[in-house]
C-alpha cells in the first residue's frame, strides 16, 4: 500500500505516553503506534455499526411481532429497551 507522510503534533503529555509505549518495546516506532490506534478505531467503528444494525433488526422484528407498544422519548431509551429484548 502506498504511504503518505502525515505530520502531526501532539500535546507534550500524549507524546510522552507514545514514547513510553515505544520504549517499553510494544511498538517499533511512534508511527507504528499511531497506525495501530487508527486501525483499532476503525475496527471499533465497524463493530459498533454491526451492533447497531443487529439492534435495529431486533427492534423491527419485535415491532412486527407486536411486542413493542412503547413510545420512546429519545433514541438512547429505545436502544436500551431493544437491547433488553
N, C-alpha and C. Protein backbone atom coordinates (compact mmCIF):
# COMPACT_ATOMS: atom_id res chain seq x y z
N UNK A 1 0.84 -1.17 0.00
CA UNK A 1 0.00 0.00 0.00
C UNK A 1 0.89 1.24 0.00
N UNK A 2 0.61 2.20 -0.89
CA UNK A 2 1.43 3.42 -0.91
C UNK A 2 1.30 4.19 0.40
N UNK A 3 2.37 4.81 0.79
CA UNK A 3 2.39 5.55 2.06
C UNK A 3 2.25 7.04 1.80
N UNK A 4 1.63 7.71 2.75
CA UNK A 4 1.52 9.17 2.74
C UNK A 4 2.08 9.65 4.07
N UNK A 5 2.94 10.64 4.02
CA UNK A 5 3.50 11.19 5.24
C UNK A 5 2.52 12.21 5.80
N UNK A 6 2.15 12.01 7.07
CA UNK A 6 1.20 12.90 7.73
C UNK A 6 1.86 13.45 8.99
N UNK A 7 2.35 14.67 8.92
CA UNK A 7 2.94 15.23 10.14
C UNK A 7 1.83 15.57 11.14
N UNK A 8 2.05 15.20 12.38
CA UNK A 8 1.06 15.52 13.42
C UNK A 8 1.76 16.19 14.59
N UNK A 9 0.98 16.93 15.34
CA UNK A 9 1.53 17.49 16.58
C UNK A 9 0.71 16.93 17.72
N UNK A 10 1.38 16.63 18.81
CA UNK A 10 0.73 16.08 19.98
C UNK A 10 1.03 16.96 21.18
N UNK A 11 0.10 17.06 22.11
CA UNK A 11 0.44 17.71 23.37
C UNK A 11 1.57 16.93 24.04
N UNK A 12 2.36 17.61 24.82
CA UNK A 12 3.53 17.00 25.46
C UNK A 12 3.17 15.71 26.20
N UNK A 13 2.03 15.71 26.93
CA UNK A 13 1.65 14.55 27.72
C UNK A 13 1.36 13.34 26.83
N UNK A 14 0.66 13.55 25.71
CA UNK A 14 0.37 12.44 24.79
C UNK A 14 1.66 11.92 24.16
N UNK A 15 2.54 12.83 23.78
CA UNK A 15 3.80 12.41 23.19
C UNK A 15 4.61 11.55 24.16
N UNK A 16 4.59 11.93 25.44
CA UNK A 16 5.31 11.14 26.45
C UNK A 16 4.72 9.73 26.56
N UNK A 17 3.39 9.62 26.48
CA UNK A 17 2.75 8.30 26.54
C UNK A 17 3.12 7.46 25.32
N UNK A 18 3.15 8.08 24.15
CA UNK A 18 3.53 7.36 22.92
C UNK A 18 4.98 6.89 23.04
N UNK A 19 5.85 7.79 23.48
CA UNK A 19 7.26 7.42 23.63
C UNK A 19 7.44 6.29 24.63
N UNK A 20 6.64 6.30 25.70
CA UNK A 20 6.71 5.24 26.71
C UNK A 20 6.37 3.89 26.08
N UNK A 21 5.31 3.84 25.26
CA UNK A 21 4.93 2.59 24.59
C UNK A 21 6.07 2.07 23.72
N UNK A 22 6.72 2.98 23.00
CA UNK A 22 7.83 2.58 22.12
C UNK A 22 9.01 2.08 22.96
N UNK A 23 9.36 2.81 24.02
CA UNK A 23 10.49 2.42 24.87
C UNK A 23 10.25 1.09 25.57
N UNK A 24 8.98 0.81 25.90
CA UNK A 24 8.65 -0.46 26.55
C UNK A 24 8.70 -1.63 25.57
N UNK A 25 8.90 -1.34 24.30
CA UNK A 25 9.00 -2.40 23.31
C UNK A 25 7.68 -2.85 22.72
N UNK A 26 6.60 -2.15 23.04
CA UNK A 26 5.29 -2.52 22.48
C UNK A 26 5.21 -2.20 20.99
N UNK A 27 5.96 -1.18 20.57
CA UNK A 27 5.94 -0.75 19.17
C UNK A 27 7.36 -0.39 18.76
N UNK A 28 7.64 -0.55 17.46
CA UNK A 28 8.97 -0.25 16.95
C UNK A 28 9.19 1.25 16.78
N UNK A 29 8.10 1.99 16.58
CA UNK A 29 8.22 3.44 16.37
C UNK A 29 6.91 4.13 16.74
N UNK A 30 6.99 5.45 16.84
CA UNK A 30 5.78 6.24 17.10
C UNK A 30 4.77 6.04 15.97
N UNK A 31 5.26 6.00 14.75
CA UNK A 31 4.38 5.82 13.59
C UNK A 31 3.61 4.51 13.68
N UNK A 32 4.31 3.45 14.09
CA UNK A 32 3.65 2.15 14.22
C UNK A 32 2.53 2.22 15.26
N UNK A 33 2.79 2.90 16.36
CA UNK A 33 1.77 3.04 17.40
C UNK A 33 0.55 3.81 16.88
N UNK A 34 0.79 4.93 16.20
CA UNK A 34 -0.31 5.75 15.67
C UNK A 34 -1.12 4.94 14.65
N UNK A 35 -0.44 4.18 13.78
CA UNK A 35 -1.16 3.35 12.80
C UNK A 35 -2.05 2.33 13.52
N UNK A 36 -1.54 1.72 14.57
CA UNK A 36 -2.31 0.73 15.33
C UNK A 36 -3.55 1.37 15.97
N UNK A 37 -3.38 2.55 16.52
CA UNK A 37 -4.51 3.25 17.14
C UNK A 37 -5.59 3.55 16.09
N UNK A 38 -5.18 3.98 14.92
CA UNK A 38 -6.15 4.27 13.84
C UNK A 38 -6.85 2.98 13.42
N UNK A 39 -6.10 1.89 13.27
CA UNK A 39 -6.72 0.60 12.90
C UNK A 39 -7.74 0.16 13.95
N UNK A 40 -7.38 0.29 15.22
CA UNK A 40 -8.30 -0.10 16.30
C UNK A 40 -9.56 0.76 16.27
N UNK A 41 -9.39 2.04 16.01
CA UNK A 41 -10.54 2.94 15.93
C UNK A 41 -11.47 2.53 14.79
N UNK A 42 -10.91 2.20 13.64
CA UNK A 42 -11.73 1.77 12.50
C UNK A 42 -12.44 0.45 12.79
N UNK A 43 -11.74 -0.48 13.43
CA UNK A 43 -12.34 -1.77 13.77
C UNK A 43 -13.49 -1.58 14.77
N UNK A 44 -13.29 -0.69 15.73
CA UNK A 44 -14.33 -0.41 16.72
C UNK A 44 -15.56 0.19 16.06
N UNK A 45 -15.35 1.09 15.10
CA UNK A 45 -16.47 1.68 14.38
C UNK A 45 -17.25 0.62 13.61
N UNK A 46 -16.54 -0.28 12.94
CA UNK A 46 -17.22 -1.36 12.21
C UNK A 46 -18.02 -2.23 13.17
N UNK A 47 -17.42 -2.56 14.31
CA UNK A 47 -18.11 -3.39 15.29
C UNK A 47 -19.35 -2.68 15.79
N UNK A 48 -19.23 -1.39 16.09
CA UNK A 48 -20.36 -0.60 16.57
C UNK A 48 -21.46 -0.57 15.51
N UNK A 49 -21.08 -0.36 14.25
CA UNK A 49 -22.06 -0.32 13.17
C UNK A 49 -22.81 -1.65 13.07
N UNK A 50 -22.08 -2.78 13.18
CA UNK A 50 -22.72 -4.10 13.13
C UNK A 50 -23.68 -4.28 14.29
N UNK A 51 -23.24 -3.87 15.48
CA UNK A 51 -24.09 -4.00 16.66
C UNK A 51 -25.36 -3.16 16.50
N UNK A 52 -25.21 -1.94 15.99
CA UNK A 52 -26.37 -1.08 15.79
C UNK A 52 -27.35 -1.72 14.81
N UNK A 53 -26.82 -2.28 13.71
CA UNK A 53 -27.71 -2.91 12.73
C UNK A 53 -28.45 -4.10 13.35
N UNK A 54 -27.75 -4.88 14.19
CA UNK A 54 -28.41 -6.01 14.86
C UNK A 54 -29.51 -5.53 15.80
N UNK A 55 -29.23 -4.47 16.54
CA UNK A 55 -30.22 -3.93 17.47
C UNK A 55 -31.43 -3.42 16.71
N UNK A 56 -31.21 -2.72 15.62
CA UNK A 56 -32.32 -2.20 14.82
C UNK A 56 -33.13 -3.34 14.23
N UNK A 57 -32.45 -4.36 13.71
CA UNK A 57 -33.18 -5.51 13.14
C UNK A 57 -34.00 -6.20 14.23
N UNK A 58 -33.42 -6.34 15.41
CA UNK A 58 -34.12 -6.95 16.53
C UNK A 58 -35.36 -6.13 16.88
N UNK A 59 -35.22 -4.81 16.89
CA UNK A 59 -36.34 -3.93 17.19
C UNK A 59 -37.44 -4.01 16.15
N UNK A 60 -37.06 -4.04 14.88
CA UNK A 60 -38.05 -4.15 13.81
C UNK A 60 -38.81 -5.46 13.91
N UNK A 61 -38.10 -6.52 14.23
CA UNK A 61 -38.75 -7.82 14.38
C UNK A 61 -39.76 -7.77 15.54
N UNK A 62 -39.35 -7.15 16.64
CA UNK A 62 -40.24 -7.04 17.80
C UNK A 62 -41.48 -6.23 17.46
N UNK A 63 -41.31 -5.18 16.67
CA UNK A 63 -42.46 -4.36 16.25
C UNK A 63 -43.39 -5.19 15.38
N UNK A 64 -42.82 -5.91 14.41
CA UNK A 64 -43.64 -6.75 13.52
C UNK A 64 -44.41 -7.80 14.30
N UNK A 65 -43.79 -8.32 15.34
CA UNK A 65 -44.43 -9.37 16.15
C UNK A 65 -45.36 -8.78 17.20
N UNK A 66 -45.48 -7.47 17.25
CA UNK A 66 -46.38 -6.82 18.20
C UNK A 66 -45.88 -6.80 19.63
N UNK A 67 -44.56 -6.98 19.82
CA UNK A 67 -44.02 -7.00 21.17
C UNK A 67 -43.60 -5.62 21.66
N UNK A 68 -43.67 -4.61 20.80
CA UNK A 68 -43.29 -3.25 21.19
C UNK A 68 -44.49 -2.34 21.02
N UNK A 69 -44.94 -1.80 22.13
CA UNK A 69 -46.06 -0.87 22.06
C UNK A 69 -45.71 0.42 22.77
N UNK A 70 -44.44 0.54 23.11
CA UNK A 70 -43.97 1.68 23.87
C UNK A 70 -43.50 2.80 22.94
N UNK A 71 -43.76 4.04 23.33
CA UNK A 71 -43.24 5.21 22.60
C UNK A 71 -42.04 5.73 23.39
N UNK A 72 -40.96 6.01 22.69
CA UNK A 72 -39.73 6.44 23.35
C UNK A 72 -39.49 7.92 23.15
N UNK A 73 -38.98 8.56 24.19
CA UNK A 73 -38.69 10.00 24.13
C UNK A 73 -37.38 10.30 23.42
N UNK A 74 -36.46 9.35 23.45
CA UNK A 74 -35.17 9.59 22.80
C UNK A 74 -34.56 8.27 22.33
N UNK A 75 -33.64 8.34 21.38
CA UNK A 75 -33.02 7.12 20.81
C UNK A 75 -32.29 6.27 21.84
N UNK A 76 -31.64 6.90 22.83
CA UNK A 76 -30.90 6.12 23.84
C UNK A 76 -31.84 5.22 24.63
N UNK A 77 -33.01 5.75 24.97
CA UNK A 77 -34.00 4.98 25.70
C UNK A 77 -34.46 3.78 24.86
N UNK A 78 -34.68 4.03 23.57
CA UNK A 78 -35.14 2.99 22.67
C UNK A 78 -34.08 1.89 22.54
N UNK A 79 -32.83 2.28 22.36
CA UNK A 79 -31.75 1.30 22.20
C UNK A 79 -31.60 0.48 23.48
N UNK A 80 -31.68 1.12 24.63
CA UNK A 80 -31.61 0.38 25.90
C UNK A 80 -32.71 -0.66 25.98
N UNK A 81 -33.91 -0.26 25.59
CA UNK A 81 -35.05 -1.18 25.62
C UNK A 81 -34.84 -2.34 24.63
N UNK A 82 -34.40 -2.03 23.43
CA UNK A 82 -34.21 -3.07 22.41
C UNK A 82 -33.14 -4.06 22.82
N UNK A 83 -32.10 -3.56 23.49
CA UNK A 83 -31.04 -4.47 23.96
C UNK A 83 -31.58 -5.45 25.00
N UNK A 84 -32.62 -5.05 25.70
CA UNK A 84 -33.16 -5.91 26.75
C UNK A 84 -34.08 -7.01 26.20
N UNK A 85 -34.45 -6.92 24.94
CA UNK A 85 -35.37 -7.93 24.36
C UNK A 85 -34.68 -9.27 24.20
